[in-house]
């Protein structure tokens, strides 16, 4: 008798969700590294604020330049000038 491999005797239960790395995680990390470098340079030039206040002080144009520094894309539809 020929054994059939097309039949399913019992459905397997799921073992939870599979976690996948965010495809853009490396881009976010690169941008954060650039921001940190800019902050350190600003501190050397006399900036006295925190990293968070420095980031808040950057203009939208400066943030766009950071994002496209290495050829990244910017979604222009969700930005406010």
PDB file of N, CA and C in Angstrom:
ATOM      1  N   UNK A   1       0.828  -1.168   0.000  1.00  0.00           N
ATOM      2  CA  UNK A   1       0.000   0.000   0.000  1.00  0.00           C
ATOM      3  C   UNK A   1       0.889   1.253   0.000  1.00  0.00           C
ATOM      4  N   UNK A   2       0.579   2.179  -0.873  1.00  0.00           N
ATOM      5  CA  UNK A   2       1.357   3.405  -1.009  1.00  0.00           C
ATOM      6  C   UNK A   2       0.929   4.410   0.062  1.00  0.00           C
ATOM      7  N   UNK A   3       1.917   4.998   0.747  1.00  0.00           N
ATOM      8  CA  UNK A   3       1.649   5.949   1.812  1.00  0.00           C
ATOM      9  C   UNK A   3       1.457   7.342   1.205  1.00  0.00           C
ATOM     10  N   UNK A   4       0.409   8.021   1.601  1.00  0.00           N
ATOM     11  CA  UNK A   4       0.133   9.360   1.098  1.00  0.00           C
ATOM     12  C   UNK A   4       0.723  10.406   2.042  1.00  0.00           C
ATOM     13  N   UNK A   5       1.382  11.383   1.467  1.00  0.00           N
ATOM     14  CA  UNK A   5       1.973  12.448   2.262  1.00  0.00           C
ATOM     15  C   UNK A   5       1.152  13.740   2.160  1.00  0.00           C
ATOM     16  N   UNK A   6      -0.016  13.672   1.553  1.00  0.00           N
ATOM     17  CA  UNK A   6      -0.848  14.850   1.359  1.00  0.00           C
ATOM     18  C   UNK A   6      -1.856  15.056   2.479  1.00  0.00           C
ATOM     19  N   UNK A   7      -2.042  14.103   3.340  1.00  0.00           N
ATOM     20  CA  UNK A   7      -3.041  14.205   4.396  1.00  0.00           C
ATOM     21  C   UNK A   7      -2.448  14.844   5.644  1.00  0.00           C
ATOM     22  N   UNK A   8      -3.284  15.603   6.310  1.00  0.00           N
ATOM     23  CA  UNK A   8      -2.890  16.200   7.576  1.00  0.00           C
ATOM     24  C   UNK A   8      -3.708  15.534   8.663  1.00  0.00           C
ATOM     25  N   UNK A   9      -3.028  14.852   9.572  1.00  0.00           N
ATOM     26  CA  UNK A   9      -3.720  14.162  10.643  1.00  0.00           C
ATOM     27  C   UNK A   9      -4.142  15.117  11.745  1.00  0.00           C
ATOM     28  N   UNK A  10      -3.263  16.044  12.082  1.00  0.00           N
ATOM     29  CA  UNK A  10      -3.548  16.944  13.183  1.00  0.00           C
ATOM     30  C   UNK A  10      -2.873  18.285  12.894  1.00  0.00           C
ATOM     31  N   UNK A  11      -3.631  19.369  13.048  1.00  0.00           N
ATOM     32  CA  UNK A  11      -3.056  20.700  12.852  1.00  0.00           C
ATOM     33  C   UNK A  11      -2.131  21.023  14.009  1.00  0.00           C
ATOM     34  N   UNK A  12      -1.005  21.657  13.707  1.00  0.00           N
ATOM     35  CA  UNK A  12      -0.061  22.060  14.738  1.00  0.00           C
ATOM     36  C   UNK A  12      -0.488  23.389  15.343  1.00  0.00           C
ATOM     37  N   UNK A  13      -0.313  23.516  16.628  1.00  0.00           N
ATOM     38  CA  UNK A  13      -0.637  24.766  17.301  1.00  0.00           C
ATOM     39  C   UNK A  13       0.540  25.722  17.176  1.00  0.00           C
ATOM     40  N   UNK A  14       0.203  27.007  17.112  1.00  0.00           N
ATOM     41  CA  UNK A  14       1.250  28.025  17.052  1.00  0.00           C
ATOM     42  C   UNK A  14       1.993  28.115  18.366  1.00  0.00           C
ATOM     43  N   UNK A  15       3.230  28.485  18.297  1.00  0.00           N
ATOM     44  CA  UNK A  15       4.068  28.610  19.490  1.00  0.00           C
ATOM     45  C   UNK A  15       4.338  30.069  19.833  1.00  0.00           C
ATOM     46  N   UNK A  16       3.468  30.974  19.441  1.00  0.00           N
ATOM     47  CA  UNK A  16       3.663  32.399  19.732  1.00  0.00           C
ATOM     48  C   UNK A  16       4.068  33.140  18.480  1.00  0.00           C
ATOM     49  N   UNK A  17       4.375  34.393  18.674  1.00  0.00           N
ATOM     50  CA  UNK A  17       4.753  35.228  17.539  1.00  0.00           C
ATOM     51  C   UNK A  17       6.249  35.151  17.294  1.00  0.00           C
ATOM     52  N   UNK A  18       6.619  35.400  16.092  1.00  0.00           N
ATOM     53  CA  UNK A  18       8.028  35.440  15.713  1.00  0.00           C
ATOM     54  C   UNK A  18       8.443  36.901  15.715  1.00  0.00           C
ATOM     55  N   UNK A  19       9.483  37.211  16.452  1.00  0.00           N
ATOM     56  CA  UNK A  19       9.976  38.579  16.501  1.00  0.00           C
ATOM     57  C   UNK A  19      11.016  38.776  15.411  1.00  0.00           C
ATOM     58  N   UNK A  20      10.813  39.813  14.634  1.00  0.00           N
ATOM     59  CA  UNK A  20      11.757  40.122  13.561  1.00  0.00           C
ATOM     60  C   UNK A  20      12.325  41.505  13.818  1.00  0.00           C
ATOM     61  N   UNK A  21      13.560  41.688  13.470  1.00  0.00           N
ATOM     62  CA  UNK A  21      14.203  42.990  13.622  1.00  0.00           C
ATOM     63  C   UNK A  21      13.579  43.987  12.656  1.00  0.00           C
ATOM     64  N   UNK A  22      13.445  45.196  13.124  1.00  0.00           N
ATOM     65  CA  UNK A  22      12.932  46.269  12.288  1.00  0.00           C
ATOM     66  C   UNK A  22      13.925  46.515  11.153  1.00  0.00           C
ATOM     67  N   UNK A  23      13.411  46.574   9.941  1.00  0.00           N
ATOM     68  CA  UNK A  23      14.289  46.759   8.783  1.00  0.00           C
ATOM     69  C   UNK A  23      15.025  48.087   8.827  1.00  0.00           C
ATOM     70  N   UNK A  24      14.437  49.071   9.510  1.00  0.00           N
ATOM     71  CA  UNK A  24      15.043  50.400   9.563  1.00  0.00           C
ATOM     72  C   UNK A  24      15.825  50.641  10.842  1.00  0.00           C
ATOM     73  N   UNK A  25      15.990  49.618  11.647  1.00  0.00           N
ATOM     74  CA  UNK A  25      16.674  49.787  12.928  1.00  0.00           C
ATOM     75  C   UNK A  25      18.094  50.311  12.745  1.00  0.00           C
ATOM     76  N   UNK A  26      18.816  49.807  11.763  1.00  0.00           N
ATOM     77  CA  UNK A  26      20.191  50.271  11.555  1.00  0.00           C
ATOM     78  C   UNK A  26      20.224  51.730  11.129  1.00  0.00           C
ATOM     79  N   UNK A  27      19.205  52.178  10.400  1.00  0.00           N
ATOM     80  CA  UNK A  27      19.142  53.583   9.987  1.00  0.00           C
ATOM     81  C   UNK A  27      18.928  54.462  11.210  1.00  0.00           C
ATOM     82  N   UNK A  28      18.000  54.046  12.085  1.00  0.00           N
ATOM     83  CA  UNK A  28      17.745  54.799  13.310  1.00  0.00           C
ATOM     84  C   UNK A  28      19.004  54.887  14.162  1.00  0.00           C
ATOM     85  N   UNK A  29      19.730  53.798  14.246  1.00  0.00           N
ATOM     86  CA  UNK A  29      20.951  53.788  15.042  1.00  0.00           C
ATOM     87  C   UNK A  29      21.999  54.722  14.449  1.00  0.00           C
ATOM     88  N   UNK A  30      22.094  54.762  13.125  1.00  0.00           N
ATOM     89  CA  UNK A  30      23.053  55.654  12.467  1.00  0.00           C
ATOM     90  C   UNK A  30      22.687  57.112  12.720  1.00  0.00           C
ATOM     91  N   UNK A  31      21.396  57.426  12.641  1.00  0.00           N
ATOM     92  CA  UNK A  31      20.948  58.797  12.876  1.00  0.00           C
ATOM     93  C   UNK A  31      21.231  59.197  14.323  1.00  0.00           C
ATOM     94  N   UNK A  32      20.968  58.292  15.267  1.00  0.00           N
ATOM     95  CA  UNK A  32      21.243  58.594  16.670  1.00  0.00           C
ATOM     96  C   UNK A  32      22.735  58.815  16.896  1.00  0.00           C
ATOM     97  N   UNK A  33      23.566  58.045  16.195  1.00  0.00           N
ATOM     98  CA  UNK A  33      25.020  58.215  16.331  1.00  0.00           C
ATOM     99  C   UNK A  33      25.448  59.586  15.802  1.00  0.00           C
ATOM    100  N   UNK A  34      24.889  60.008  14.687  1.00  0.00           N
ATOM    101  CA  UNK A  34      25.210  61.327  14.132  1.00  0.00           C
ATOM    102  C   UNK A  34      24.754  62.419  15.087  1.00  0.00           C
ATOM    103  N   UNK A  35      23.548  62.270  15.649  1.00  0.00           N
ATOM    104  CA  UNK A  35      23.054  63.256  16.610  1.00  0.00           C
ATOM    105  C   UNK A  35      23.969  63.339  17.837  1.00  0.00           C
ATOM    106  N   UNK A  36      24.437  62.203  18.295  1.00  0.00           N
ATOM    107  CA  UNK A  36      25.335  62.180  19.457  1.00  0.00           C
ATOM    108  C   UNK A  36      26.647  62.898  19.133  1.00  0.00           C
ATOM    109  N   UNK A  37      27.176  62.648  17.936  1.00  0.00           N
ATOM    110  CA  UNK A  37      28.417  63.317  17.524  1.00  0.00           C
ATOM    111  C   UNK A  37      28.215  64.836  17.442  1.00  0.00           C
ATOM    112  N   UNK A  38      27.079  65.243  16.869  1.00  0.00           N
ATOM    113  CA  UNK A  38      26.783  66.676  16.769  1.00  0.00           C
ATOM    114  C   UNK A  38      26.659  67.301  18.153  1.00  0.00           C
ATOM    115  N   UNK A  39      26.021  66.591  19.075  1.00  0.00           N
ATOM    116  CA  UNK A  39      25.867  67.074  20.445  1.00  0.00           C
ATOM    117  C   UNK A  39      27.234  67.229  21.121  1.00  0.00           C
ATOM    118  N   UNK A  40      28.094  66.237  20.946  1.00  0.00           N
ATOM    119  CA  UNK A  40      29.438  66.305  21.550  1.00  0.00           C
ATOM    120  C   UNK A  40      30.217  67.490  20.981  1.00  0.00           C
ATOM    121  N   UNK A  41      30.100  67.741  19.684  1.00  0.00           N
ATOM    122  CA  UNK A  41      30.777  68.891  19.065  1.00  0.00           C
ATOM    123  C   UNK A  41      30.212  70.201  19.599  1.00  0.00           C
ATOM    124  N   UNK A  42      28.887  70.242  19.781  1.00  0.00           N
ATOM    125  CA  UNK A  42      28.260  71.450  20.318  1.00  0.00           C
ATOM    126  C   UNK A  42      28.734  71.706  21.754  1.00  0.00           C
ATOM    127  N   UNK A  43      28.884  70.651  22.556  1.00  0.00           N
ATOM    128  CA  UNK A  43      29.384  70.797  23.927  1.00  0.00           C
ATOM    129  C   UNK A  43      30.803  71.347  23.924  1.00  0.00           C
ATOM    130  N   UNK A  44      31.637  70.882  22.999  1.00  0.00           N
ATOM    131  CA  UNK A  44      33.011  71.382  22.898  1.00  0.00           C
ATOM    132  C   UNK A  44      33.033  72.862  22.525  1.00  0.00           C
ATOM    133  N   UNK A  45      31.970  73.280  21.799  1.00  0.00           N
ATOM    134  CA  UNK A  45      31.882  74.679  21.372  1.00  0.00           C
ATOM    135  C   UNK A  45      31.182  75.553  22.414  1.00  0.00           C
ATOM    136  N   UNK A  46      30.808  74.939  23.563  1.00  0.00           N
ATOM    137  CA  UNK A  46      30.239  75.740  24.637  1.00  0.00           C
ATOM    138  C   UNK A  46      28.772  75.487  24.937  1.00  0.00           C
ATOM    139  N   UNK A  47      28.139  74.582  24.247  1.00  0.00           N
ATOM    140  CA  UNK A  47      26.729  74.282  24.532  1.00  0.00           C
ATOM    141  C   UNK A  47      26.625  73.676  25.924  1.00  0.00           C
ATOM    142  N   UNK A  48      25.674  74.159  26.721  1.00  0.00           N
ATOM    143  CA  UNK A  48      25.553  73.734  28.114  1.00  0.00           C
ATOM    144  C   UNK A  48      24.327  72.852  28.378  1.00  0.00           C
ATOM    145  N   UNK A  49      23.442  72.683  27.415  1.00  0.00           N
ATOM    146  CA  UNK A  49      22.210  71.940  27.635  1.00  0.00           C
ATOM    147  C   UNK A  49      22.385  70.430  27.560  1.00  0.00           C
ATOM    148  N   UNK A  50      21.282  69.723  27.754  1.00  0.00           N
ATOM    149  CA  UNK A  50      21.270  68.261  27.687  1.00  0.00           C
ATOM    150  C   UNK A  50      21.160  67.802  26.238  1.00  0.00           C
ATOM    151  N   UNK A  51      21.371  66.524  26.032  1.00  0.00           N
ATOM    152  CA  UNK A  51      21.226  65.940  24.693  1.00  0.00           C
ATOM    153  C   UNK A  51      19.793  66.149  24.188  1.00  0.00           C
ATOM    154  N   UNK A  52      18.825  65.943  25.067  1.00  0.00           N
ATOM    155  CA  UNK A  52      17.417  66.112  24.675  1.00  0.00           C
ATOM    156  C   UNK A  52      17.123  67.553  24.271  1.00  0.00           C
ATOM    157  N   UNK A  53      17.613  68.516  25.040  1.00  0.00           N
ATOM    158  CA  UNK A  53      17.367  69.914  24.685  1.00  0.00           C
ATOM    159  C   UNK A  53      18.098  70.286  23.396  1.00  0.00           C
ATOM    160  N   UNK A  54      19.254  69.682  23.178  1.00  0.00           N
ATOM    161  CA  UNK A  54      19.976  69.931  21.923  1.00  0.00           C
ATOM    162  C   UNK A  54      19.169  69.425  20.727  1.00  0.00           C
ATOM    163  N   UNK A  55      18.637  68.220  20.845  1.00  0.00           N
ATOM    164  CA  UNK A  55      17.834  67.662  19.756  1.00  0.00           C
ATOM    165  C   UNK A  55      16.605  68.520  19.487  1.00  0.00           C
ATOM    166  N   UNK A  56      15.981  69.010  20.542  1.00  0.00           N
ATOM    167  CA  UNK A  56      14.792  69.858  20.379  1.00  0.00           C
ATOM    168  C   UNK A  56      15.149  71.201  19.751  1.00  0.00           C
ATOM    169  N   UNK A  57      16.407  71.630  19.927  1.00  0.00           N
ATOM    170  CA  UNK A  57      16.818  72.927  19.391  1.00  0.00           C
ATOM    171  C   UNK A  57      17.135  72.884  17.897  1.00  0.00           C
ATOM    172  N   UNK A  58      17.290  71.679  17.343  1.00  0.00           N
ATOM    173  CA  UNK A  58      17.627  71.562  15.922  1.00  0.00           C
ATOM    174  C   UNK A  58      16.426  71.928  15.056  1.00  0.00           C
ATOM    175  N   UNK A  59      16.702  72.623  13.973  1.00  0.00           N
ATOM    176  CA  UNK A  59      15.632  72.991  13.047  1.00  0.00           C
ATOM    177  C   UNK A  59      15.240  71.782  12.204  1.00  0.00           C
ATOM    178  N   UNK A  60      14.088  71.863  11.585  1.00  0.00           N
ATOM    179  CA  UNK A  60      13.624  70.784  10.712  1.00  0.00           C
ATOM    180  C   UNK A  60      14.603  70.563   9.565  1.00  0.00           C
ATOM    181  N   UNK A  61      15.167  71.646   9.025  1.00  0.00           N
ATOM    182  CA  UNK A  61      16.146  71.510   7.938  1.00  0.00           C
ATOM    183  C   UNK A  61      17.395  70.762   8.392  1.00  0.00           C
ATOM    184  N   UNK A  62      17.851  71.039   9.622  1.00  0.00           N
ATOM    185  CA  UNK A  62      19.028  70.333  10.144  1.00  0.00           C
ATOM    186  C   UNK A  62      18.728  68.842  10.313  1.00  0.00           C
ATOM    187  N   UNK A  63      17.538  68.530  10.804  1.00  0.00           N
ATOM    188  CA  UNK A  63      17.158  67.123  10.970  1.00  0.00           C
ATOM    189  C   UNK A  63      17.035  66.419   9.622  1.00  0.00           C
ATOM    190  N   UNK A  64      16.529  67.112   8.626  1.00  0.00           N
ATOM    191  CA  UNK A  64      16.430  66.530   7.282  1.00  0.00           C
ATOM    192  C   UNK A  64      17.821  66.238   6.728  1.00  0.00           C
ATOM    193  N   UNK A  65      18.759  67.151   6.945  1.00  0.00           N
ATOM    194  CA  UNK A  65      20.125  66.938   6.459  1.00  0.00           C
ATOM    195  C   UNK A  65      20.761  65.716   7.109  1.00  0.00           C
ATOM    196  N   UNK A  66      20.480  65.489   8.387  1.00  0.00           N
ATOM    197  CA  UNK A  66      21.005  64.307   9.068  1.00  0.00           C
ATOM    198  C   UNK A  66      20.426  63.052   8.433  1.00  0.00           C
ATOM    199  N   UNK A  67      19.119  63.073   8.173  1.00  0.00           N
ATOM    200  CA  UNK A  67      18.441  61.889   7.633  1.00  0.00           C
ATOM    201  C   UNK A  67      18.911  61.543   6.230  1.00  0.00           C
ATOM    202  N   UNK A  68      19.244  62.553   5.428  1.00  0.00           N
ATOM    203  CA  UNK A  68      19.643  62.274   4.042  1.00  0.00           C
ATOM    204  C   UNK A  68      21.153  62.283   3.850  1.00  0.00           C
ATOM    205  N   UNK A  69      21.896  62.425   4.937  1.00  0.00           N
ATOM    206  CA  UNK A  69      23.359  62.495   4.857  1.00  0.00           C
ATOM    207  C   UNK A  69      23.954  61.353   4.047  1.00  0.00           C
ATOM    208  N   UNK A  70      23.465  60.141   4.281  1.00  0.00           N
ATOM    209  CA  UNK A  70      23.984  58.969   3.578  1.00  0.00           C
ATOM    210  C   UNK A  70      23.025  58.460   2.517  1.00  0.00           C
ATOM    211  N   UNK A  71      22.197  59.357   1.982  1.00  0.00           N
ATOM    212  CA  UNK A  71      21.300  58.966   0.905  1.00  0.00           C
ATOM    213  C   UNK A  71      19.960  58.436   1.363  1.00  0.00           C
ATOM    214  N   UNK A  72      19.559  58.724   2.586  1.00  0.00           N
ATOM    215  CA  UNK A  72      18.273  58.249   3.087  1.00  0.00           C
ATOM    216  C   UNK A  72      17.111  58.999   2.452  1.00  0.00           C
ATOM    217  N   UNK A  73      15.920  58.467   2.606  1.00  0.00           N
ATOM    218  CA  UNK A  73      14.716  59.080   2.072  1.00  0.00           C
ATOM    219  C   UNK A  73      13.965  59.788   3.184  1.00  0.00           C
ATOM    220  N   UNK A  74      13.293  60.865   2.837  1.00  0.00           N
ATOM    221  CA  UNK A  74      12.492  61.615   3.795  1.00  0.00           C
ATOM    222  C   UNK A  74      11.064  61.666   3.297  1.00  0.00           C
ATOM    223  N   UNK A  75      10.120  61.377   4.181  1.00  0.00           N
ATOM    224  CA  UNK A  75       8.712  61.489   3.849  1.00  0.00           C
ATOM    225  C   UNK A  75       8.308  62.951   4.022  1.00  0.00           C
ATOM    226  N   UNK A  76       8.168  63.676   2.940  1.00  0.00           N
ATOM    227  CA  UNK A  76       7.889  65.102   2.992  1.00  0.00           C
ATOM    228  C   UNK A  76       6.425  65.397   3.313  1.00  0.00           C
ATOM    229  N   UNK A  77       5.567  64.409   3.268  1.00  0.00           N
ATOM    230  CA  UNK A  77       4.139  64.630   3.459  1.00  0.00           C
ATOM    231  C   UNK A  77       3.762  64.778   4.927  1.00  0.00           C
ATOM    232  N   UNK A  78       4.549  64.246   5.841  1.00  0.00           N
ATOM    233  CA  UNK A  78       4.198  64.291   7.257  1.00  0.00           C
ATOM    234  C   UNK A  78       5.061  65.250   8.054  1.00  0.00           C
ATOM    235  N   UNK A  79       5.738  66.159   7.393  1.00  0.00           N
ATOM    236  CA  UNK A  79       6.595  67.099   8.103  1.00  0.00           C
ATOM    237  C   UNK A  79       5.933  68.461   8.158  1.00  0.00           C
ATOM    238  N   UNK A  80       6.184  69.194   9.236  1.00  0.00           N
ATOM    239  CA  UNK A  80       5.692  70.544   9.376  1.00  0.00           C
ATOM    240  C   UNK A  80       6.881  71.490   9.365  1.00  0.00           C
ATOM    241  N   UNK A  81       6.773  72.559   8.640  1.00  0.00           N
ATOM    242  CA  UNK A  81       7.865  73.544   8.572  1.00  0.00           C
ATOM    243  C   UNK A  81       7.743  74.559   9.670  1.00  0.00           C
TER     244      UNK A  81
END
